[in-house]
């Protein structure tokens, strides 16, 4: 008997027991759709985290100090800016301030920095301008505000050119930032950026405890980090515990490793349901062998070879698993889109994951279909014909 004929007989047998076939495929449908949905959610989360880290700036190094003994003065910051591979440097002071306009009052994050901050932290303005070096030199009372701050105090009005009361002092709004949304769990739009000198006066401290450095090239970031660490060691000998130098890429690598582990774990958990579906296929196929014992005996009595019977039952198992896999793919894509819209989750579908889950369902069908198919092919035709 040819393969085509075996496939036709297998499909005919499946159609003859539609309800049982659907229930058998249900395990594969659930398994495949689970793999696609869970892995897609995990991959979407990974992309979302990567995007949030990238919002912090590109080719970014962060120097943070933990002690007042380690003072990042202008002279030392200037020395760091002269290092080979450093494109721009931005010292920062930060805190919380009370902002008021008319009857609206709110606490807002304050950042005092220089003109390079816009480039280093990839911060753009949607209206007006950013802080300039002249603003710092002349201690200008100007502010660039986040999009949320603009909405809170000005509604739909254009904030540029208007004034805000920051800690009781009037500041002119010269720019509004492009919305960045939340980054690493923190909202980045409810903020006020002022010149470094003005920010130091507002928070009542001249201590600079954080500096951002931007490298010239992503490929050189490891070398730049080594240079910065060596320079910091020479500026602050025997005080390495009082400061840290963080590479943005290290953070991304760590998050990527965690995300990959989570994706693998979720995929593994979902794959268990595929194995359960395979066991269901084997169980149903064994029942089918018992029900069709006389049919098998008749076929073997009229000349069917062991291989023909083996192929027929194996094809039935593969068809059940493959059809279940295809329906599972459609279900997984639909459920993924539904979850994304209902729970505002980032879902990223991958063709490789979809292909893997389908192929895995086929392999499961073959593996768990071999035993019942082998049992059917080994039946003695005389005993099979006498079976009641």
Protein backbone atom coordinates (compact mmCIF):
# COMPACT_ATOMS: atom_id res chain seq x y z
CA UNK A 1 0.00 0.00 0.00
CA UNK A 2 1.31 3.44 -0.90
CA UNK A 3 1.85 6.33 1.49
CA UNK A 4 -0.97 8.32 -0.13
CA UNK A 5 -3.43 5.49 0.43
CA UNK A 6 -2.29 5.18 4.06
CA UNK A 7 -2.86 8.91 4.57
CA UNK A 8 -6.39 8.67 3.11
CA UNK A 9 -7.25 5.75 5.39
CA UNK A 10 -5.83 7.60 8.42
CA UNK A 11 -7.88 10.72 7.64
CA UNK A 12 -10.99 8.60 7.12
CA UNK A 13 -10.49 6.97 10.50
CA UNK A 14 -10.06 10.36 12.19
CA UNK A 15 -13.22 11.72 10.53
CA UNK A 16 -15.12 8.66 11.71
CA UNK A 17 -14.45 9.62 15.34
CA UNK A 18 -14.66 13.41 15.24
CA UNK A 19 -15.36 14.07 18.91
CA UNK A 20 -12.60 11.76 20.07
CA UNK A 21 -10.19 13.30 17.56
CA UNK A 22 -11.00 16.85 18.73
CA UNK A 23 -10.53 15.89 22.38
CA UNK A 24 -7.23 14.21 21.49
CA UNK A 25 -6.02 17.31 19.66
CA UNK A 26 -7.04 19.54 22.57
CA UNK A 27 -3.86 18.68 24.44
CA UNK A 28 -1.71 19.74 21.48
CA UNK A 29 -3.78 22.91 20.94
CA UNK A 30 -3.34 23.97 24.57
CA UNK A 31 0.36 23.06 24.53
CA UNK A 32 1.28 24.93 21.34
CA UNK A 33 -0.78 28.01 22.20
CA UNK A 34 0.72 28.07 25.72
CA UNK A 35 4.27 27.99 24.36
CA UNK A 36 3.55 30.79 21.88
CA UNK A 37 1.72 33.04 24.38
CA UNK A 38 4.13 32.64 27.32
CA UNK A 39 7.32 32.91 25.29
CA UNK A 40 5.93 35.89 23.33
CA UNK A 41 5.09 37.69 26.58
CA UNK A 42 8.58 36.99 27.91
CA UNK A 43 10.23 38.22 24.70
CA UNK A 44 8.00 41.29 24.66
CA UNK A 45 9.03 42.08 28.24
CA UNK A 46 12.68 41.72 27.24
CA UNK A 47 12.29 44.20 24.38
CA UNK A 48 10.41 46.57 26.66
CA UNK A 49 13.16 46.48 29.31
CA UNK A 50 15.84 46.96 26.65
CA UNK A 51 13.95 49.96 25.27
CA UNK A 52 13.67 51.45 28.77
CA UNK A 53 17.41 51.03 29.36
CA UNK A 54 18.14 52.64 26.00
CA UNK A 55 16.02 55.61 27.06
CA UNK A 56 18.59 56.31 29.76
CA UNK A 57 20.99 57.32 27.01
CA UNK A 58 23.35 55.73 24.51
CA UNK A 59 26.92 54.57 25.22
CA UNK A 60 26.39 55.61 28.82
CA UNK A 61 28.68 55.37 31.85
CA UNK A 62 27.50 56.49 35.27
CA UNK A 63 29.81 57.56 38.09
CA UNK A 64 28.13 57.60 41.50
CA UNK A 65 29.69 58.56 44.82
CA UNK A 66 28.55 57.37 48.25
CA UNK A 67 30.63 59.53 50.55
CA UNK A 68 31.16 63.26 51.11
CA UNK A 69 34.90 62.54 51.17
CA UNK A 70 34.74 61.78 47.45
CA UNK A 71 33.82 65.17 45.98
CA UNK A 72 33.27 65.38 42.24
CA UNK A 73 34.49 68.95 41.80
CA UNK A 74 34.52 70.89 38.53
CA UNK A 75 38.28 70.37 38.14
CA UNK A 76 38.02 66.60 38.50
CA UNK A 77 34.99 66.41 36.22
CA UNK A 78 37.00 68.40 33.66
CA UNK A 79 39.83 65.85 33.89
CA UNK A 80 37.37 63.02 33.27
CA UNK A 81 35.99 64.82 30.21
CA UNK A 82 39.48 64.93 28.66
CA UNK A 83 39.84 61.14 28.63
CA UNK A 84 40.18 59.53 25.22
CA UNK A 85 36.90 57.97 24.14
CA UNK A 86 34.70 60.30 26.23
CA UNK A 87 32.40 62.26 23.91
CA UNK A 88 30.45 64.29 26.48
CA UNK A 89 30.07 64.55 30.25
CA UNK A 90 27.18 65.76 32.37
CA UNK A 91 27.32 66.33 36.15
CA UNK A 92 23.98 66.08 37.94
CA UNK A 93 22.42 67.17 41.22
CA UNK A 94 18.92 65.98 42.01
CA UNK A 95 16.17 66.17 44.57
CA UNK A 96 12.48 66.85 45.13
CA UNK A 97 11.06 70.38 45.05
CA UNK A 98 7.69 72.03 45.54
CA UNK A 99 6.35 73.56 42.35
CA UNK A 100 3.38 75.91 42.23
CA UNK A 101 1.38 77.80 39.65
CA UNK A 102 -1.73 79.68 40.66
CA UNK A 103 -3.62 77.22 42.89
CA UNK A 104 -1.87 74.08 41.64
CA UNK A 105 0.92 72.72 43.86
CA UNK A 106 2.90 69.52 43.43
CA UNK A 107 6.18 67.87 44.33
CA UNK A 108 8.35 67.31 41.27
CA UNK A 109 11.72 65.67 40.64
CA UNK A 110 14.44 68.29 40.13
CA UNK A 111 17.57 67.81 38.05
CA UNK A 112 20.33 70.38 37.94
CA UNK A 113 22.72 69.76 35.06
CA UNK A 114 24.54 71.23 32.06
CA UNK A 115 23.83 71.57 28.34
CA UNK A 116 25.46 68.20 27.53
CA UNK A 117 22.73 66.36 29.49
CA UNK A 118 20.44 66.52 26.47
CA UNK A 119 22.95 64.61 24.36
CA UNK A 120 24.24 62.23 27.04
CA UNK A 121 20.79 61.14 28.24
CA UNK A 122 19.16 61.35 24.80
CA UNK A 123 16.72 63.97 26.07
CA UNK A 124 14.91 66.02 23.42
CA UNK A 125 12.59 69.00 23.67
CA UNK A 126 9.22 69.12 21.94
CA UNK A 127 8.94 72.89 22.35
CA UNK A 128 11.36 75.68 23.21
CA UNK A 129 15.01 74.90 23.99
CA UNK A 130 17.22 73.05 26.46
CA UNK A 131 19.57 74.43 29.13
CA UNK A 132 22.63 76.27 27.74
CA UNK A 133 26.10 76.93 29.17
CA UNK A 134 25.20 80.63 29.49
CA UNK A 135 22.28 79.71 31.74
CA UNK A 136 24.72 77.96 34.09
CA UNK A 137 27.33 80.72 33.96
CA UNK A 138 24.84 83.47 34.78
CA UNK A 139 22.74 81.32 37.18
CA UNK A 140 19.64 81.98 35.13
CA UNK A 141 16.28 81.14 36.70
CA UNK A 142 15.07 79.07 33.76
CA UNK A 143 13.58 75.59 33.63
CA UNK A 144 12.89 72.82 31.14
CA UNK A 145 9.89 70.76 32.26
CA UNK A 146 8.69 67.23 31.52
CA UNK A 147 5.51 66.58 29.56
CA UNK A 148 3.58 65.45 32.65
CA UNK A 149 4.66 68.55 34.56
CA UNK A 150 3.54 70.70 31.64
CA UNK A 151 0.12 69.05 31.62
CA UNK A 152 -0.24 69.35 35.42
CA UNK A 153 0.47 73.07 35.59
CA UNK A 154 -0.47 74.40 32.15
CA UNK A 155 -3.07 71.96 30.79
CA UNK A 156 -3.35 72.49 27.05
CA UNK A 157 -1.60 75.87 27.11
CA UNK A 158 1.91 76.35 25.71
CA UNK A 159 4.21 76.51 28.79
CA UNK A 160 7.16 78.09 26.96
CA UNK A 161 7.65 81.66 28.12
CA UNK A 162 5.42 81.26 31.17
CA UNK A 163 6.54 81.07 34.80
CA UNK A 164 6.48 78.51 37.62
CA UNK A 165 7.14 78.98 41.33
CA UNK A 166 9.89 76.55 42.41
CA UNK A 167 10.42 76.62 46.18
CA UNK A 168 8.87 80.09 46.20
CA UNK A 169 11.08 81.53 43.44
CA UNK A 170 9.81 82.36 39.97
CA UNK A 171 11.39 80.42 37.07
CA UNK A 172 10.79 80.96 33.39
CA UNK A 173 9.89 77.84 31.38
CA UNK A 174 12.15 77.75 28.31
CA UNK A 175 11.40 74.23 27.06
CA UNK A 176 9.20 71.13 27.30
CA UNK A 177 10.68 67.64 27.06
CA UNK A 178 9.50 64.93 24.70
CA UNK A 179 7.63 62.26 26.67
CA UNK A 180 9.74 59.23 27.57
CA UNK A 181 7.17 57.39 29.69
CA UNK A 182 8.41 55.29 32.57
CA UNK A 183 11.99 54.04 32.55
CA UNK A 184 13.14 51.21 34.85
CA UNK A 185 10.02 51.61 36.96
CA UNK A 186 10.34 55.37 37.36
CA UNK A 187 8.29 58.04 35.62
CA UNK A 188 10.55 60.33 33.60
CA UNK A 189 8.00 62.95 32.57
CA UNK A 190 7.18 64.52 35.95
CA UNK A 191 10.43 66.46 36.18
CA UNK A 192 12.00 69.91 36.12
CA UNK A 193 15.50 70.48 34.72
CA UNK A 194 17.39 73.63 35.70
CA UNK A 195 20.98 74.85 35.21
CA UNK A 196 23.50 73.07 37.47
CA UNK A 197 24.36 76.20 39.47
CA UNK A 198 20.68 76.99 40.02
CA UNK A 199 19.91 73.41 40.99
CA UNK A 200 22.67 73.43 43.61
CA UNK A 201 21.13 76.53 45.15
CA UNK A 202 17.63 75.03 45.13
CA UNK A 203 18.60 71.82 46.93
CA UNK A 204 21.01 73.66 49.22
CA UNK A 205 24.11 71.63 48.37
CA UNK A 206 27.04 72.03 46.01
CA UNK A 207 27.98 68.34 46.25
CA UNK A 208 27.88 66.52 42.91
CA UNK A 209 27.36 62.84 43.57
CA UNK A 210 26.56 61.66 40.04
CA UNK A 211 28.15 62.19 36.65
CA UNK A 212 27.07 60.76 33.29
CA UNK A 213 29.63 60.12 30.56
CA UNK A 214 28.90 59.34 26.94
CA UNK A 215 31.39 57.30 24.95
CA UNK A 216 32.26 58.07 21.35
CA UNK A 217 31.55 54.54 20.17
CA UNK A 218 29.68 51.52 21.48
CA UNK A 219 32.63 49.30 20.51
CA UNK A 220 34.98 51.29 22.73
CA UNK A 221 32.83 51.33 25.88
CA UNK A 222 34.86 48.66 27.69
CA UNK A 223 38.07 50.60 27.05
CA UNK A 224 36.44 53.88 28.09
CA UNK A 225 35.20 52.26 31.31
CA UNK A 226 38.72 51.00 32.09
CA UNK A 227 40.11 54.51 31.50
CA UNK A 228 37.48 56.06 33.75
CA UNK A 229 38.11 53.52 36.51
CA UNK A 230 41.88 54.11 36.32
CA UNK A 231 41.35 57.88 36.40
CA UNK A 232 39.01 57.64 39.39
CA UNK A 233 41.54 55.44 41.17
CA UNK A 234 44.24 58.09 40.64
CA UNK A 235 41.92 60.94 41.69
CA UNK A 236 40.68 59.10 44.78
CA UNK A 237 43.40 56.63 45.89
CA UNK A 238 42.32 53.86 48.28
CA UNK A 239 38.69 55.03 48.13
CA UNK A 240 37.25 52.59 45.60
CA UNK A 241 34.47 51.63 48.03
CA UNK A 242 33.21 55.23 48.03
CA UNK A 243 32.26 55.35 44.35
CA UNK A 244 31.09 53.15 41.50
CA UNK A 245 31.41 53.22 37.73
CA UNK A 246 28.50 51.54 35.93
CA UNK A 247 28.36 50.61 32.28
CA UNK A 248 24.90 50.73 30.72
CA UNK A 249 25.80 47.69 28.60
CA UNK A 250 26.49 45.66 31.76
CA UNK A 251 22.98 46.46 32.96
CA UNK A 252 21.56 45.42 29.59
CA UNK A 253 23.56 42.16 29.61
CA UNK A 254 22.33 41.34 33.11
CA UNK A 255 18.73 42.07 32.21
CA UNK A 256 19.10 40.07 29.01
CA UNK A 257 20.43 37.09 30.96
CA UNK A 258 17.53 37.26 33.41
CA UNK A 259 15.02 37.62 30.57
CA UNK A 260 16.51 34.68 28.66
CA UNK A 261 16.26 32.52 31.78
CA UNK A 262 12.65 33.59 32.28
CA UNK A 263 11.82 32.87 28.62
CA UNK A 264 13.42 29.42 28.83
CA UNK A 265 11.58 28.65 32.06
CA UNK A 266 8.19 29.75 30.71
CA UNK A 267 8.80 27.84 27.47
CA UNK A 268 9.74 24.73 29.46
CA UNK A 269 6.62 24.95 31.61
CA UNK A 270 4.42 25.37 28.54
CA UNK A 271 6.18 22.46 26.80
CA UNK A 272 5.05 20.15 29.60
CA UNK A 273 1.49 20.56 28.33
CA UNK A 274 2.72 19.40 24.90
CA UNK A 275 4.07 16.22 26.48
CA UNK A 276 0.75 15.71 28.27
CA UNK A 277 -0.96 16.15 24.91
CA UNK A 278 1.36 13.50 23.46
CA UNK A 279 0.42 11.08 26.21
CA UNK A 280 -3.22 11.76 25.37
CA UNK A 281 -2.55 10.89 21.73
CA UNK A 282 -0.82 7.65 22.72
CA UNK A 283 -3.70 6.73 25.02
CA UNK A 284 -6.35 7.34 22.36
CA UNK A 285 -4.33 5.48 19.72
CA UNK A 286 -4.01 2.46 22.02
CA UNK A 287 -7.79 2.50 22.48
CA UNK A 288 -8.15 2.77 18.71
CA UNK A 289 -5.92 -0.29 18.22
CA UNK A 290 -8.11 -2.29 20.60
CA UNK A 291 -11.30 -1.17 18.86
CA UNK A 292 -9.96 -1.94 15.39
CA UNK A 293 -8.28 -5.26 16.14
CA UNK A 294 -10.61 -7.19 13.80
CA UNK A 295 -10.10 -4.58 11.05
CA UNK A 296 -6.33 -5.00 11.40
CA UNK A 297 -6.71 -8.79 11.24
CA UNK A 298 -8.74 -8.58 8.03
CA UNK A 299 -6.22 -6.23 6.42
CA UNK A 300 -3.30 -8.48 7.31
CA UNK A 301 -5.22 -11.56 6.18
CA UNK A 302 -5.72 -10.11 2.70
CA UNK A 303 -2.07 -9.17 2.29
CA UNK A 304 -1.34 -5.99 4.22
CA UNK A 305 2.20 -5.99 5.50
CA UNK A 306 3.31 -5.03 8.98
CA UNK A 307 4.80 -1.83 7.55
CA UNK A 308 1.42 -0.78 6.06
CA UNK A 309 -0.36 -1.08 9.41
CA UNK A 310 2.50 0.66 11.20
CA UNK A 311 2.46 3.60 8.75
CA UNK A 312 -1.34 3.94 8.91
CA UNK A 313 -1.47 4.30 12.69
CA UNK A 314 1.64 6.46 12.78
CA UNK A 315 0.12 8.80 10.19
CA UNK A 316 -3.06 9.05 12.27
CA UNK A 317 -1.00 10.15 15.29
CA UNK A 318 0.98 12.66 13.23
CA UNK A 319 -2.16 14.12 11.61
CA UNK A 320 -3.79 14.54 15.02
CA UNK A 321 -0.72 16.31 16.43
CA UNK A 322 -0.09 18.48 13.35
CA UNK A 323 -3.71 19.65 13.02
CA UNK A 324 -3.71 20.32 16.77
CA UNK A 325 -0.46 22.24 16.33
CA UNK A 326 -1.87 24.43 13.54
CA UNK A 327 -4.99 25.24 15.54
CA UNK A 328 -2.74 25.91 18.54
CA UNK A 329 -0.71 28.44 16.52
CA UNK A 330 -3.86 30.32 15.49
CA UNK A 331 -5.15 30.21 19.07
CA UNK A 332 -1.79 31.35 20.48
CA UNK A 333 -1.61 34.35 18.17
CA UNK A 334 -5.19 35.32 18.97
CA UNK A 335 -4.76 34.90 22.75
CA UNK A 336 -1.48 36.82 22.63
CA UNK A 337 -3.13 39.80 20.94
CA UNK A 338 -6.02 39.64 23.41
CA UNK A 339 -3.69 39.56 26.44
CA UNK A 340 -1.69 42.46 24.99
CA UNK A 341 -4.78 44.65 24.57
CA UNK A 342 -6.49 43.71 27.86
CA UNK A 343 -3.49 43.91 30.21
CA UNK A 344 -1.29 46.41 28.30
CA UNK A 345 1.53 43.87 28.11
CA UNK A 346 4.25 43.93 25.47
CA UNK A 347 3.90 40.80 23.33
CA UNK A 348 6.51 39.96 20.71
CA UNK A 349 5.72 37.06 18.38
CA UNK A 350 8.67 35.19 16.93
CA UNK A 351 8.47 33.06 13.79
CA UNK A 352 11.20 30.80 15.18
CA UNK A 353 9.16 30.13 18.35
CA UNK A 354 6.02 29.43 16.30
CA UNK A 355 7.96 27.05 14.01
CA UNK A 356 9.63 25.35 16.99
CA UNK A 357 6.31 24.76 18.80
CA UNK A 358 4.76 23.29 15.64
CA UNK A 359 7.72 21.01 14.93
CA UNK A 360 7.77 19.98 18.57
CA UNK A 361 4.10 19.00 18.33
CA UNK A 362 4.90 16.90 15.23
CA UNK A 363 7.79 15.17 17.01
CA UNK A 364 5.56 14.49 20.02
CA UNK A 365 2.98 12.96 17.66
CA UNK A 366 5.59 10.68 16.09
CA UNK A 367 7.22 9.66 19.39
CA UNK A 368 3.96 8.90 21.19
CA UNK A 369 2.38 7.36 18.10
CA UNK A 370 5.15 4.80 17.57
CA UNK A 371 4.16 2.52 20.47
CA UNK A 372 0.46 2.04 19.56
CA UNK A 373 1.36 1.83 15.85
CA UNK A 374 3.98 -0.82 16.60
CA UNK A 375 1.49 -2.74 18.75
CA UNK A 376 -1.07 -2.71 15.93
CA UNK A 377 1.47 -3.88 13.33
CA UNK A 378 2.52 -6.86 15.48
CA UNK A 379 -0.98 -8.28 15.90
CA UNK A 380 -1.34 -11.88 14.77
CA UNK A 381 -3.97 -11.91 11.97
CA UNK A 382 -5.59 -15.17 13.17
CA UNK A 383 -5.91 -13.98 16.77
CA UNK A 384 -7.08 -10.55 15.53
CA UNK A 385 -9.86 -12.13 13.45
CA UNK A 386 -11.03 -14.16 16.45
CA UNK A 387 -11.01 -11.03 18.70
CA UNK A 388 -14.43 -10.02 20.06
